[in-house]
Each structure stands twice: as C-alpha cells, then as structure tokens.
Amino acid sequence: MFLCFLYPKASILRRKREEEIKDEDLLEMPENVENPFRCPVRLYEFYLSKCSNSVKQRSDLFYLQPKASCHPSSPMWYSPQPLDSTMMESMLIRILAIRDIHLDSKHQQKYPDSSDEESS
C-alpha cells in the first residue's frame, strides 16, 4: 500500500488540461509496515477517518481547521474549513522554533563546553 501524489510542476498542471497525467508525474510514498505508528499511509488514513465525508471526496483540501472542542473518541476532529495561510504560517514558525530549541538542547548535551567558546 502507498500514498500517491501528483508532482507539483507547472508544466505538469498545464499538460493535465491537455491530456491524462502520466505515471512518471506521480510520486509514491510507501507504507511503513515495520512501524505503523510512523507510517504515512496509516496516518493519512487516520486523518481522513476524523474528517467529514464531504471533505474526503475533495482533492483541493488537505489542511483543515480543527474543531473547537473534541475528544480523542470523537468521530470528527476537523471542520470542513481549510486552514488559512496565516494560521499555517504561525504553526510552521512554532514547529521550527521548537525544532531549533530541541536541536540546540541536544547539541548542548553532546558538547557542554561549546556554549562558552561561542560567547567569548
């Protein structure tokens, strides 16, 4: 099992209007059978299971707004509304900041004296 993505090139999108998409235009992400909790296919299937049926049939929506209140056992976690670009940007900035802090922390643990050298 795998996920299949259309390679996002303008030339492919133009050609799509003229003819069918060719197999070489598609990217495949294979299933991680060794660790299902880190499997992109299983995670995507789970994500879809928490979306409304109206959204599952659309190929133009991917990142949806979370519902204001839901529990892990709720059947739907996401509204049919897409995330706007400012929310996406805010989330990505936060994720990257946390990653930088985490990487810096790992570096400090591995090389405890390096911060003294950098500050002088």
PDB file of N, CA and C in Angstrom:
ATOM      1  N   MET A   1       0.841  -1.168   0.000  1.00  0.00           N
ATOM      2  CA  MET A   1       0.000   0.000   0.000  1.00  0.00           C
ATOM      3  C   MET A   1       0.895   1.243   0.000  1.00  0.00           C
ATOM      4  N   PHE A   2       0.425   2.311  -0.624  1.00  0.00           N
ATOM      5  CA  PHE A   2       1.195   3.541  -0.673  1.00  0.00           C
ATOM      6  C   PHE A   2       0.273   4.723  -0.920  1.00  0.00           C
ATOM      7  N   LEU A   3       0.783   5.922  -0.624  1.00  0.00           N
ATOM      8  CA  LEU A   3       0.096   7.158  -0.975  1.00  0.00           C
ATOM      9  C   LEU A   3       0.649   7.624  -2.305  1.00  0.00           C
ATOM     10  N   CYS A   4      -0.177   8.225  -3.101  1.00  0.00           N
ATOM     11  CA  CYS A   4       0.242   8.681  -4.414  1.00  0.00           C
ATOM     12  C   CYS A   4       0.007  10.190  -4.514  1.00  0.00           C
ATOM     13  N   PHE A   5       1.041  10.931  -4.924  1.00  0.00           N
ATOM     14  CA  PHE A   5       0.966  12.384  -5.035  1.00  0.00           C
ATOM     15  C   PHE A   5       1.279  12.808  -6.458  1.00  0.00           C
ATOM     16  N   LEU A   6       0.661  13.873  -6.883  1.00  0.00           N
ATOM     17  CA  LEU A   6       0.984  14.471  -8.171  1.00  0.00           C
ATOM     18  C   LEU A   6       2.172  15.393  -7.978  1.00  0.00           C
ATOM     19  N   TYR A   7       3.196  15.231  -8.799  1.00  0.00           N
ATOM     20  CA  TYR A   7       4.379  16.078  -8.710  1.00  0.00           C
ATOM     21  C   TYR A   7       3.994  17.500  -9.089  1.00  0.00           C
ATOM     22  N   PRO A   8       4.208  18.477  -8.199  1.00  0.00           N
ATOM     23  CA  PRO A   8       3.689  19.836  -8.439  1.00  0.00           C
ATOM     24  C   PRO A   8       4.570  20.693  -9.338  1.00  0.00           C
ATOM     25  N   LYS A   9       4.463  20.495 -10.609  1.00  0.00           N
ATOM     26  CA  LYS A   9       5.184  21.328 -11.569  1.00  0.00           C
ATOM     27  C   LYS A   9       4.168  22.021 -12.462  1.00  0.00           C
ATOM     28  N   ALA A  10       4.450  23.245 -12.795  1.00  0.00           N
ATOM     29  CA  ALA A  10       3.530  24.000 -13.642  1.00  0.00           C
ATOM     30  C   ALA A  10       3.332  23.315 -14.989  1.00  0.00           C
ATOM     31  N   SER A  11       4.404  22.736 -15.517  1.00  0.00           N
ATOM     32  CA  SER A  11       4.285  22.083 -16.824  1.00  0.00           C
ATOM     33  C   SER A  11       3.350  20.881 -16.754  1.00  0.00           C
ATOM     34  N   ILE A  12       3.389  20.172 -15.648  1.00  0.00           N
ATOM     35  CA  ILE A  12       2.507  19.018 -15.490  1.00  0.00           C
ATOM     36  C   ILE A  12       1.064  19.484 -15.379  1.00  0.00           C
ATOM     37  N   LEU A  13       0.848  20.567 -14.646  1.00  0.00           N
ATOM     38  CA  LEU A  13      -0.513  21.073 -14.499  1.00  0.00           C
ATOM     39  C   LEU A  13      -1.063  21.558 -15.832  1.00  0.00           C
ATOM     40  N   ARG A  14      -0.208  22.190 -16.645  1.00  0.00           N
ATOM     41  CA  ARG A  14      -0.657  22.606 -17.977  1.00  0.00           C
ATOM     42  C   ARG A  14      -0.985  21.386 -18.830  1.00  0.00           C
ATOM     43  N   ARG A  15      -0.121  20.374 -18.749  1.00  0.00           N
ATOM     44  CA  ARG A  15      -0.331  19.175 -19.549  1.00  0.00           C
ATOM     45  C   ARG A  15      -1.589  18.444 -19.093  1.00  0.00           C
ATOM     46  N   LYS A  16      -1.902  18.540 -17.799  1.00  0.00           N
ATOM     47  CA  LYS A  16      -3.086  17.873 -17.270  1.00  0.00           C
ATOM     48  C   LYS A  16      -4.335  18.338 -18.003  1.00  0.00           C
ATOM     49  N   ARG A  17      -4.356  19.600 -18.351  1.00  0.00           N
ATOM     50  CA  ARG A  17      -5.512  20.125 -19.068  1.00  0.00           C
ATOM     51  C   ARG A  17      -5.608  19.530 -20.474  1.00  0.00           C
ATOM     52  N   GLU A  18      -4.448  19.225 -21.034  1.00  0.00           N
ATOM     53  CA  GLU A  18      -4.419  18.747 -22.411  1.00  0.00           C
ATOM     54  C   GLU A  18      -4.558  17.234 -22.525  1.00  0.00           C
ATOM     55  N   GLU A  19      -3.994  16.506 -21.577  1.00  0.00           N
ATOM     56  CA  GLU A  19      -4.010  15.047 -21.659  1.00  0.00           C
ATOM     57  C   GLU A  19      -3.983  14.449 -20.258  1.00  0.00           C
ATOM     58  N   GLU A  20      -4.043  13.167 -20.194  1.00  0.00           N
ATOM     59  CA  GLU A  20      -4.006  12.479 -18.907  1.00  0.00           C
ATOM     60  C   GLU A  20      -2.627  12.609 -18.257  1.00  0.00           C
ATOM     61  N   ILE A  21      -2.617  12.561 -16.946  1.00  0.00           N
ATOM     62  CA  ILE A  21      -1.353  12.605 -16.209  1.00  0.00           C
ATOM     63  C   ILE A  21      -0.634  11.278 -16.398  1.00  0.00           C
ATOM     64  N   LYS A  22       0.644  11.355 -16.661  1.00  0.00           N
ATOM     65  CA  LYS A  22       1.442  10.149 -16.875  1.00  0.00           C
ATOM     66  C   LYS A  22       1.939   9.599 -15.538  1.00  0.00           C
ATOM     67  N   ASP A  23       2.279   8.316 -15.514  1.00  0.00           N
ATOM     68  CA  ASP A  23       2.752   7.668 -14.293  1.00  0.00           C
ATOM     69  C   ASP A  23       4.003   8.323 -13.726  1.00  0.00           C
ATOM     70  N   GLU A  24       4.883   8.828 -14.603  1.00  0.00           N
ATOM     71  CA  GLU A  24       6.122   9.434 -14.103  1.00  0.00           C
ATOM     72  C   GLU A  24       5.872  10.770 -13.402  1.00  0.00           C
ATOM     73  N   ASP A  25       4.674  11.319 -13.539  1.00  0.00           N
ATOM     74  CA  ASP A  25       4.319  12.563 -12.863  1.00  0.00           C
ATOM     75  C   ASP A  25       3.868  12.322 -11.422  1.00  0.00           C
ATOM     76  N   LEU A  26       3.718  11.071 -11.052  1.00  0.00           N
ATOM     77  CA  LEU A  26       3.212  10.728  -9.729  1.00  0.00           C
ATOM     78  C   LEU A  26       4.337  10.289  -8.801  1.00  0.00           C
ATOM     79  N   LEU A  27       4.234  10.706  -7.560  1.00  0.00           N
ATOM     80  CA  LEU A  27       5.178  10.285  -6.537  1.00  0.00           C
ATOM     81  C   LEU A  27       4.463   9.319  -5.608  1.00  0.00           C
ATOM     82  N   GLU A  28       5.153   8.279  -5.195  1.00  0.00           N
ATOM     83  CA  GLU A  28       4.555   7.302  -4.298  1.00  0.00           C
ATOM     84  C   GLU A  28       5.288   7.304  -2.964  1.00  0.00           C
ATOM     85  N   MET A  29       4.524   7.239  -1.890  1.00  0.00           N
ATOM     86  CA  MET A  29       5.091   7.134  -0.557  1.00  0.00           C
ATOM     87  C   MET A  29       4.693   5.762  -0.014  1.00  0.00           C
ATOM     88  N   PRO A  30       5.673   4.876   0.164  1.00  0.00           N
ATOM     89  CA  PRO A  30       5.330   3.513   0.577  1.00  0.00           C
ATOM     90  C   PRO A  30       4.893   3.428   2.039  1.00  0.00           C
ATOM     91  N   GLU A  31       4.172   2.386   2.320  1.00  0.00           N
ATOM     92  CA  GLU A  31       3.712   2.100   3.672  1.00  0.00           C
ATOM     93  C   GLU A  31       4.894   1.662   4.535  1.00  0.00           C
ATOM     94  N   ASN A  32       4.902   2.077   5.785  1.00  0.00           N
ATOM     95  CA  ASN A  32       5.921   1.645   6.740  1.00  0.00           C
ATOM     96  C   ASN A  32       5.333   0.483   7.532  1.00  0.00           C
ATOM     97  N   VAL A  33       5.579  -0.726   7.070  1.00  0.00           N
ATOM     98  CA  VAL A  33       4.987  -1.899   7.718  1.00  0.00           C
ATOM     99  C   VAL A  33       5.685  -2.249   9.028  1.00  0.00           C
ATOM    100  N   GLU A  34       6.923  -1.797   9.189  1.00  0.00           N
ATOM    101  CA  GLU A  34       7.670  -2.099  10.412  1.00  0.00           C
ATOM    102  C   GLU A  34       7.151  -1.314  11.609  1.00  0.00           C
ATOM    103  N   ASN A  35       6.696  -0.090  11.378  1.00  0.00           N
ATOM    104  CA  ASN A  35       6.213   0.745  12.476  1.00  0.00           C
ATOM    105  C   ASN A  35       4.950   1.480  12.031  1.00  0.00           C
ATOM    106  N   PRO A  36       3.781   0.889  12.264  1.00  0.00           N
ATOM    107  CA  PRO A  36       2.538   1.512  11.795  1.00  0.00           C
ATOM    108  C   PRO A  36       2.255   2.882  12.416  1.00  0.00           C
ATOM    109  N   PHE A  37       2.823   3.167  13.590  1.00  0.00           N
ATOM    110  CA  PHE A  37       2.606   4.474  14.215  1.00  0.00           C
ATOM    111  C   PHE A  37       3.401   5.579  13.526  1.00  0.00           C
ATOM    112  N   ARG A  38       4.374   5.210  12.710  1.00  0.00           N
ATOM    113  CA  ARG A  38       5.168   6.180  11.949  1.00  0.00           C
ATOM    114  C   ARG A  38       4.928   6.016  10.446  1.00  0.00           C
ATOM    115  N   CYS A  39       3.857   5.360  10.108  1.00  0.00           N
ATOM    116  CA  CYS A  39       3.552   5.071   8.708  1.00  0.00           C
ATOM    117  C   CYS A  39       2.731   6.208   8.096  1.00  0.00           C
ATOM    118  N   PRO A  40       3.236   6.858   7.045  1.00  0.00           N
ATOM    119  CA  PRO A  40       2.485   7.962   6.438  1.00  0.00           C
ATOM    120  C   PRO A  40       1.140   7.523   5.859  1.00  0.00           C
ATOM    121  N   VAL A  41       1.076   6.314   5.364  1.00  0.00           N
ATOM    122  CA  VAL A  41      -0.178   5.814   4.797  1.00  0.00           C
ATOM    123  C   VAL A  41      -1.219   5.649   5.903  1.00  0.00           C
ATOM    124  N   ARG A  42      -0.825   5.007   6.992  1.00  0.00           N
ATOM    125  CA  ARG A  42      -1.753   4.797   8.115  1.00  0.00           C
ATOM    126  C   ARG A  42      -2.149   6.122   8.767  1.00  0.00           C
ATOM    127  N   LEU A  43      -1.194   7.047   8.897  1.00  0.00           N
ATOM    128  CA  LEU A  43      -1.505   8.351   9.486  1.00  0.00           C
ATOM    129  C   LEU A  43      -2.491   9.121   8.607  1.00  0.00           C
ATOM    130  N   TYR A  44      -2.308   9.037   7.311  1.00  0.00           N
ATOM    131  CA  TYR A  44      -3.232   9.707   6.396  1.00  0.00           C
ATOM    132  C   TYR A  44      -4.624   9.078   6.480  1.00  0.00           C
ATOM    133  N   GLU A  45      -4.678   7.764   6.532  1.00  0.00           N
ATOM    134  CA  GLU A  45      -5.970   7.087   6.670  1.00  0.00           C
ATOM    135  C   GLU A  45      -6.659   7.492   7.972  1.00  0.00           C
ATOM    136  N   PHE A  46      -5.880   7.596   9.045  1.00  0.00           N
ATOM    137  CA  PHE A  46      -6.444   8.013  10.325  1.00  0.00           C
ATOM    138  C   PHE A  46      -6.947   9.454  10.245  1.00  0.00           C
ATOM    139  N   TYR A  47      -6.153  10.319   9.629  1.00  0.00           N
ATOM    140  CA  TYR A  47      -6.558  11.719   9.438  1.00  0.00           C
ATOM    141  C   TYR A  47      -7.895  11.780   8.692  1.00  0.00           C
ATOM    142  N   LEU A  48      -7.992  11.032   7.613  1.00  0.00           N
ATOM    143  CA  LEU A  48      -9.244  11.023   6.850  1.00  0.00           C
ATOM    144  C   LEU A  48     -10.410  10.490   7.674  1.00  0.00           C
ATOM    145  N   SER A  49     -10.142   9.549   8.544  1.00  0.00           N
ATOM    146  CA  SER A  49     -11.221   8.981   9.360  1.00  0.00           C
ATOM    147  C   SER A  49     -11.805  10.008  10.323  1.00  0.00           C
ATOM    148  N   LYS A  50     -11.068  11.069  10.605  1.00  0.00           N
ATOM    149  CA  LYS A  50     -11.536  12.112  11.519  1.00  0.00           C
ATOM    150  C   LYS A  50     -12.063  13.338  10.775  1.00  0.00           C
ATOM    151  N   CYS A  51     -12.224  13.216   9.456  1.00  0.00           N
ATOM    152  CA  CYS A  51     -12.771  14.298   8.630  1.00  0.00           C
ATOM    153  C   CYS A  51     -14.185  13.936   8.184  1.00  0.00           C
ATOM    154  N   SER A  52     -14.935  14.951   7.806  1.00  0.00           N
ATOM    155  CA  SER A  52     -16.296  14.693   7.322  1.00  0.00           C
ATOM    156  C   SER A  52     -16.249  14.033   5.943  1.00  0.00           C
ATOM    157  N   ASN A  53     -17.306  13.334   5.605  1.00  0.00           N
ATOM    158  CA  ASN A  53     -17.367  12.653   4.308  1.00  0.00           C
ATOM    159  C   ASN A  53     -17.287  13.622   3.141  1.00  0.00           C
ATOM    160  N   SER A  54     -17.816  14.815   3.313  1.00  0.00           N
ATOM    161  CA  SER A  54     -17.781  15.794   2.220  1.00  0.00           C
ATOM    162  C   SER A  54     -16.346  16.194   1.873  1.00  0.00           C
ATOM    163  N   VAL A  55     -15.478  16.204   2.853  1.00  0.00           N
ATOM    164  CA  VAL A  55     -14.082  16.587   2.634  1.00  0.00           C
ATOM    165  C   VAL A  55     -13.288  15.438   2.018  1.00  0.00           C
ATOM    166  N   LYS A  56     -13.629  14.225   2.359  1.00  0.00           N
ATOM    167  CA  LYS A  56     -12.877  13.060   1.877  1.00  0.00           C
ATOM    168  C   LYS A  56     -12.893  12.945   0.358  1.00  0.00           C
ATOM    169  N   GLN A  57     -13.914  13.453  -0.265  1.00  0.00           N
ATOM    170  CA  GLN A  57     -14.038  13.349  -1.721  1.00  0.00           C
ATOM    171  C   GLN A  57     -13.342  14.480  -2.465  1.00  0.00           C
ATOM    172  N   ARG A  58     -12.844  15.468  -1.742  1.00  0.00           N
ATOM    173  CA  ARG A  58     -12.223  16.632  -2.384  1.00  0.00           C
ATOM    174  C   ARG A  58     -10.709  16.477  -2.427  1.00  0.00           C
ATOM    175  N   SER A  59     -10.134  16.829  -3.538  1.00  0.00           N
ATOM    176  CA  SER A  59      -8.680  16.756  -3.664  1.00  0.00           C
ATOM    177  C   SER A  59      -8.018  18.123  -3.511  1.00  0.00           C
ATOM    178  N   ASP A  60      -8.821  19.167  -3.337  1.00  0.00           N
ATOM    179  CA  ASP A  60      -8.252  20.510  -3.224  1.00  0.00           C
ATOM    180  C   ASP A  60      -8.089  20.970  -1.775  1.00  0.00           C
ATOM    181  N   LEU A  61      -8.510  20.158  -0.819  1.00  0.00           N
ATOM    182  CA  LEU A  61      -8.352  20.493   0.597  1.00  0.00           C
ATOM    183  C   LEU A  61      -7.470  19.447   1.266  1.00  0.00           C
ATOM    184  N   PHE A  62      -6.566  19.909   2.103  1.00  0.00           N
ATOM    185  CA  PHE A  62      -5.771  18.953   2.863  1.00  0.00           C
ATOM    186  C   PHE A  62      -5.681  19.360   4.325  1.00  0.00           C
ATOM    187  N   TYR A  63      -5.197  20.569   4.591  1.00  0.00           N
ATOM    188  CA  TYR A  63      -5.070  21.036   5.964  1.00  0.00           C
ATOM    189  C   TYR A  63      -6.375  21.691   6.394  1.00  0.00           C
ATOM    190  N   LEU A  64      -7.046  21.069   7.342  1.00  0.00           N
ATOM    191  CA  LEU A  64      -8.344  21.551   7.790  1.00  0.00           C
ATOM    192  C   LEU A  64      -8.250  22.134   9.191  1.00  0.00           C
ATOM    193  N   GLN A  65      -9.173  23.039   9.489  1.00  0.00           N
ATOM    194  CA  GLN A  65      -9.206  23.629  10.827  1.00  0.00           C
ATOM    195  C   GLN A  65      -9.699  22.593  11.832  1.00  0.00           C
ATOM    196  N   PRO A  66      -9.009  22.486  12.960  1.00  0.00           N
ATOM    197  CA  PRO A  66      -9.502  21.573  14.000  1.00  0.00           C
ATOM    198  C   PRO A  66     -10.815  22.097  14.573  1.00  0.00           C
ATOM    199  N   LYS A  67     -11.646  21.197  15.012  1.00  0.00           N
ATOM    200  CA  LYS A  67     -12.887  21.610  15.672  1.00  0.00           C
ATOM    201  C   LYS A  67     -12.533  22.254  17.004  1.00  0.00           C
ATOM    202  N   ALA A  68     -13.363  23.174  17.444  1.00  0.00           N
ATOM    203  CA  ALA A  68     -13.086  23.923  18.670  1.00  0.00           C
ATOM    204  C   ALA A  68     -12.987  23.005  19.888  1.00  0.00           C
ATOM    205  N   SER A  69     -13.848  22.034  19.962  1.00  0.00           N
ATOM    206  CA  SER A  69     -13.772  21.105  21.094  1.00  0.00           C
ATOM    207  C   SER A  69     -14.078  19.700  20.598  1.00  0.00           C
ATOM    208  N   CYS A  70     -13.166  18.820  20.882  1.00  0.00           N
ATOM    209  CA  CYS A  70     -13.392  17.416  20.553  1.00  0.00           C
ATOM    210  C   CYS A  70     -12.561  16.561  21.502  1.00  0.00           C
ATOM    211  N   HIS A  71     -12.958  15.333  21.634  1.00  0.00           N
ATOM    212  CA  HIS A  71     -12.266  14.377  22.493  1.00  0.00           C
ATOM    213  C   HIS A  71     -11.610  13.330  21.608  1.00  0.00           C
ATOM    214  N   PRO A  72     -10.612  12.618  22.122  1.00  0.00           N
ATOM    215  CA  PRO A  72      -9.980  11.582  21.300  1.00  0.00           C
ATOM    216  C   PRO A  72     -10.967  10.567  20.727  1.00  0.00           C
ATOM    217  N   SER A  73     -12.055  10.336  21.422  1.00  0.00           N
ATOM    218  CA  SER A  73     -13.037   9.368  20.926  1.00  0.00           C
ATOM    219  C   SER A  73     -14.068   9.991  19.979  1.00  0.00           C
ATOM    220  N   SER A  74     -13.976  11.298  19.746  1.00  0.00           N
ATOM    221  CA  SER A  74     -14.915  11.962  18.839  1.00  0.00           C
ATOM    222  C   SER A  74     -14.768  11.416  17.423  1.00  0.00           C
ATOM    223  N   PRO A  75     -15.875  11.281  16.701  1.00  0.00           N
ATOM    224  CA  PRO A  75     -15.776  10.777  15.335  1.00  0.00           C
ATOM    225  C   PRO A  75     -15.139  11.775  14.367  1.00  0.00           C
ATOM    226  N   MET A  76     -15.278  13.077  14.659  1.00  0.00           N
ATOM    227  CA  MET A  76     -14.672  14.084  13.783  1.00  0.00           C
ATOM    228  C   MET A  76     -13.843  15.057  14.606  1.00  0.00           C
ATOM    229  N   TRP A  77     -12.626  15.281  14.146  1.00  0.00           N
ATOM    230  CA  TRP A  77     -11.725  16.223  14.808  1.00  0.00           C
ATOM    231  C   TRP A  77     -11.573  17.513  14.012  1.00  0.00           C
ATOM    232  N   TYR A  78     -11.939  17.482  12.741  1.00  0.00           N
ATOM    233  CA  TYR A  78     -11.675  18.618  11.860  1.00  0.00           C
ATOM    234  C   TYR A  78     -12.957  19.135  11.233  1.00  0.00           C
ATOM    235  N   SER A  79     -13.016  20.448  11.076  1.00  0.00           N
ATOM    236  CA  SER A  79     -14.149  21.055  10.385  1.00  0.00           C
ATOM    237  C   SER A  79     -13.887  20.954   8.878  1.00  0.00           C
ATOM    238  N   PRO A  80     -14.891  21.194   8.057  1.00  0.00           N
ATOM    239  CA  PRO A  80     -14.660  21.168   6.608  1.00  0.00           C
ATOM    240  C   PRO A  80     -13.957  22.424   6.086  1.00  0.00           C
ATOM    241  N   GLN A  81     -13.610  23.339   6.982  1.00  0.00           N
ATOM    242  CA  GLN A  81     -12.966  24.591   6.587  1.00  0.00           C
ATOM    243  C   GLN A  81     -11.446  24.415   6.491  1.00  0.00           C
ATOM    244  N   PRO A  82     -10.847  24.877   5.412  1.00  0.00           N
ATOM    245  CA  PRO A  82      -9.384  24.778   5.307  1.00  0.00           C
ATOM    246  C   PRO A  82      -8.697  25.764   6.255  1.00  0.00           C
ATOM    247  N   LEU A  83      -7.479  25.439   6.635  1.00  0.00           N
ATOM    248  CA  LEU A  83      -6.677  26.381   7.415  1.00  0.00           C
ATOM    249  C   LEU A  83      -6.276  27.533   6.513  1.00  0.00           C
ATOM    250  N   ASP A  84      -6.341  28.745   7.026  1.00  0.00           N
ATOM    251  CA  ASP A  84      -5.897  29.862   6.203  1.00  0.00           C
ATOM    252  C   ASP A  84      -4.372  29.982   6.270  1.00  0.00           C
ATOM    253  N   SER A  85      -3.818  30.730   5.364  1.00  0.00           N
ATOM    254  CA  SER A  85      -2.359  30.792   5.232  1.00  0.00           C
ATOM    255  C   SER A  85      -1.685  31.398   6.463  1.00  0.00           C
ATOM    256  N   THR A  86      -2.335  32.342   7.133  1.00  0.00           N
ATOM    257  CA  THR A  86      -1.707  32.932   8.326  1.00  0.00           C
ATOM    258  C   THR A  86      -1.621  31.915   9.459  1.00  0.00           C
ATOM    259  N   MET A  87      -2.631  31.087   9.595  1.00  0.00           N
ATOM    260  CA  MET A  87      -2.606  30.040  10.621  1.00  0.00           C
ATOM    261  C   MET A  87      -1.523  29.012  10.296  1.00  0.00           C
ATOM    262  N   MET A  88      -1.429  28.637   9.033  1.00  0.00           N
ATOM    263  CA  MET A  88      -0.390  27.687   8.616  1.00  0.00           C
ATOM    264  C   MET A  88       0.998  28.259   8.888  1.00  0.00           C
ATOM    265  N   GLU A  89       1.194  29.515   8.542  1.00  0.00           N
ATOM    266  CA  GLU A  89       2.489  30.152   8.762  1.00  0.00           C
ATOM    267  C   GLU A  89       2.826  30.183  10.250  1.00  0.00           C
ATOM    268  N   SER A  90       1.861  30.527  11.063  1.00  0.00           N
ATOM    269  CA  SER A  90       2.064  30.571  12.511  1.00  0.00           C
ATOM    270  C   SER A  90       2.449  29.196  13.058  1.00  0.00           C
ATOM    271  N   MET A  91       1.764  28.165  12.600  1.00  0.00           N
ATOM    272  CA  MET A  91       2.066  26.805  13.055  1.00  0.00           C
ATOM    273  C   MET A  91       3.466  26.382  12.627  1.00  0.00           C
ATOM    274  N   LEU A  92       3.829  26.671  11.389  1.00  0.00           N
ATOM    275  CA  LEU A  92       5.152  26.282  10.901  1.00  0.00           C
ATOM    276  C   LEU A  92       6.266  27.013  11.646  1.00  0.00           C
ATOM    277  N   ILE A  93       6.064  28.285  11.932  1.00  0.00           N
ATOM    278  CA  ILE A  93       7.064  29.044  12.696  1.00  0.00           C
ATOM    279  C   ILE A  93       7.245  28.422  14.078  1.00  0.00           C
ATOM    280  N   ARG A  94       6.138  28.071  14.715  1.00  0.00           N
ATOM    281  CA  ARG A  94       6.196  27.450  16.040  1.00  0.00           C
ATOM    282  C   ARG A  94       6.909  26.094  15.983  1.00  0.00           C
ATOM    283  N   ILE A  95       6.593  25.294  14.989  1.00  0.00           N
ATOM    284  CA  ILE A  95       7.228  23.976  14.840  1.00  0.00           C
ATOM    285  C   ILE A  95       8.732  24.126  14.631  1.00  0.00           C
ATOM    286  N   LEU A  96       9.122  25.054  13.769  1.00  0.00           N
ATOM    287  CA  LEU A  96      10.546  25.260  13.502  1.00  0.00           C
ATOM    288  C   LEU A  96      11.278  25.802  14.731  1.00  0.00           C
ATOM    289  N   ALA A  97      10.628  26.662  15.491  1.00  0.00           N
ATOM    290  CA  ALA A  97      11.248  27.195  16.712  1.00  0.00           C
ATOM    291  C   ALA A  97      11.472  26.075  17.725  1.00  0.00           C
ATOM    292  N   ILE A  98      10.490  25.219  17.882  1.00  0.00           N
ATOM    293  CA  ILE A  98      10.626  24.092  18.814  1.00  0.00           C
ATOM    294  C   ILE A  98      11.722  23.150  18.339  1.00  0.00           C
ATOM    295  N   ARG A  99      11.775  22.911  17.040  1.00  0.00           N
ATOM    296  CA  ARG A  99      12.830  22.049  16.500  1.00  0.00           C
ATOM    297  C   ARG A  99      14.206  22.644  16.784  1.00  0.00           C
ATOM    298  N   ASP A 100      14.358  23.947  16.576  1.00  0.00           N
ATOM    299  CA  ASP A 100      15.642  24.597  16.831  1.00  0.00           C
ATOM    300  C   ASP A 100      16.039  24.493  18.298  1.00  0.00           C
ATOM    301  N   ILE A 101      15.086  24.691  19.188  1.00  0.00           N
ATOM    302  CA  ILE A 101      15.364  24.568  20.625  1.00  0.00           C
ATOM    303  C   ILE A 101      15.782  23.142  20.951  1.00  0.00           C
ATOM    304  N   HIS A 102      15.074  22.184  20.388  1.00  0.00           N
ATOM    305  CA  HIS A 102      15.386  20.773  20.631  1.00  0.00           C
ATOM    306  C   HIS A 102      16.780  20.424  20.106  1.00  0.00           C
ATOM    307  N   LEU A 103      17.090  20.860  18.895  1.00  0.00           N
ATOM    308  CA  LEU A 103      18.407  20.573  18.323  1.00  0.00           C
ATOM    309  C   LEU A 103      19.517  21.259  19.116  1.00  0.00           C
ATOM    310  N   ASP A 104      19.267  22.487  19.556  1.00  0.00           N
ATOM    311  CA  ASP A 104      20.257  23.207  20.357  1.00  0.00           C
ATOM    312  C   ASP A 104      20.475  22.497  21.690  1.00  0.00           C
ATOM    313  N   SER A 105      19.402  22.011  22.279  1.00  0.00           N
ATOM    314  CA  SER A 105      19.496  21.282  23.542  1.00  0.00           C
ATOM    315  C   SER A 105      20.316  20.007  23.372  1.00  0.00           C
ATOM    316  N   LYS A 106      20.075  19.287  22.287  1.00  0.00           N
ATOM    317  CA  LYS A 106      20.857  18.076  22.011  1.00  0.00           C
ATOM    318  C   LYS A 106      22.329  18.418  21.814  1.00  0.00           C
ATOM    319  N   HIS A 107      22.587  19.511  21.108  1.00  0.00           N
ATOM    320  CA  HIS A 107      23.966  19.940  20.871  1.00  0.00           C
ATOM    321  C   HIS A 107      24.646  20.287  22.200  1.00  0.00           C
ATOM    322  N   GLN A 108      23.918  20.974  23.084  1.00  0.00           N
ATOM    323  CA  GLN A 108      24.473  21.349  24.388  1.00  0.00           C
ATOM    324  C   GLN A 108      24.778  20.111  25.232  1.00  0.00           C
ATOM    325  N   GLN A 109      23.943  19.088  25.128  1.00  0.00           N
ATOM    326  CA  GLN A 109      24.185  17.857  25.880  1.00  0.00           C
ATOM    327  C   GLN A 109      25.406  17.118  25.343  1.00  0.00           C
ATOM    328  N   LYS A 110      25.576  17.155  24.039  1.00  0.00           N
ATOM    329  CA  LYS A 110      26.686  16.441  23.417  1.00  0.00           C
ATOM    330  C   LYS A 110      28.005  17.190  23.599  1.00  0.00           C
ATOM    331  N   TYR A 111      27.947  18.517  23.507  1.00  0.00           N
ATOM    332  CA  TYR A 111      29.135  19.362  23.621  1.00  0.00           C
ATOM    333  C   TYR A 111      28.893  20.433  24.684  1.00  0.00           C
ATOM    334  N   PRO A 112      28.969  20.083  25.965  1.00  0.00           N
ATOM    335  CA  PRO A 112      28.604  21.039  27.026  1.00  0.00           C
ATOM    336  C   PRO A 112      29.482  22.290  27.076  1.00  0.00           C
ATOM    337  N   ASP A 113      30.716  22.242  26.623  1.00  0.00           N
ATOM    338  CA  ASP A 113      31.604  23.401  26.704  1.00  0.00           C
ATOM    339  C   ASP A 113      31.516  24.305  25.479  1.00  0.00           C
ATOM    340  N   SER A 114      30.765  23.924  24.463  1.00  0.00           N
ATOM    341  CA  SER A 114      30.739  24.705  23.224  1.00  0.00           C
ATOM    342  C   SER A 114      30.068  26.060  23.399  1.00  0.00           C
ATOM    343  N   SER A 115      29.139  26.208  24.341  1.00  0.00           N
ATOM    344  CA  SER A 115      28.465  27.496  24.526  1.00  0.00           C
ATOM    345  C   SER A 115      29.421  28.537  25.097  1.00  0.00           C
ATOM    346  N   ASP A 116      30.388  28.111  25.915  1.00  0.00           N
ATOM    347  CA  ASP A 116      31.363  29.042  26.468  1.00  0.00           C
ATOM    348  C   ASP A 116      32.260  29.600  25.378  1.00  0.00           C
ATOM    349  N   GLU A 117      32.645  28.741  24.428  1.00  0.00           N
ATOM    350  CA  GLU A 117      33.523  29.173  23.344  1.00  0.00           C
ATOM    351  C   GLU A 117      32.810  30.124  22.401  1.00  0.00           C
ATOM    352  N   GLU A 118      31.517  29.876  22.145  1.00  0.00           N
ATOM    353  CA  GLU A 118      30.764  30.712  21.215  1.00  0.00           C
ATOM    354  C   GLU A 118      30.520  32.100  21.781  1.00  0.00           C
ATOM    355  N   SER A 119      30.337  32.218  23.098  1.00  0.00           N
ATOM    356  CA  SER A 119      30.019  33.512  23.686  1.00  0.00           C
ATOM    357  C   SER A 119      31.247  34.387  23.873  1.00  0.00           C
ATOM    358  N   SER A 120      32.465  33.826  23.834  1.00  0.00           N
ATOM    359  CA  SER A 120      33.661  34.651  24.021  1.00  0.00           C
ATOM    360  C   SER A 120      34.238  35.133  22.724  1.00  0.00           C
TER     361      SER A 120
END
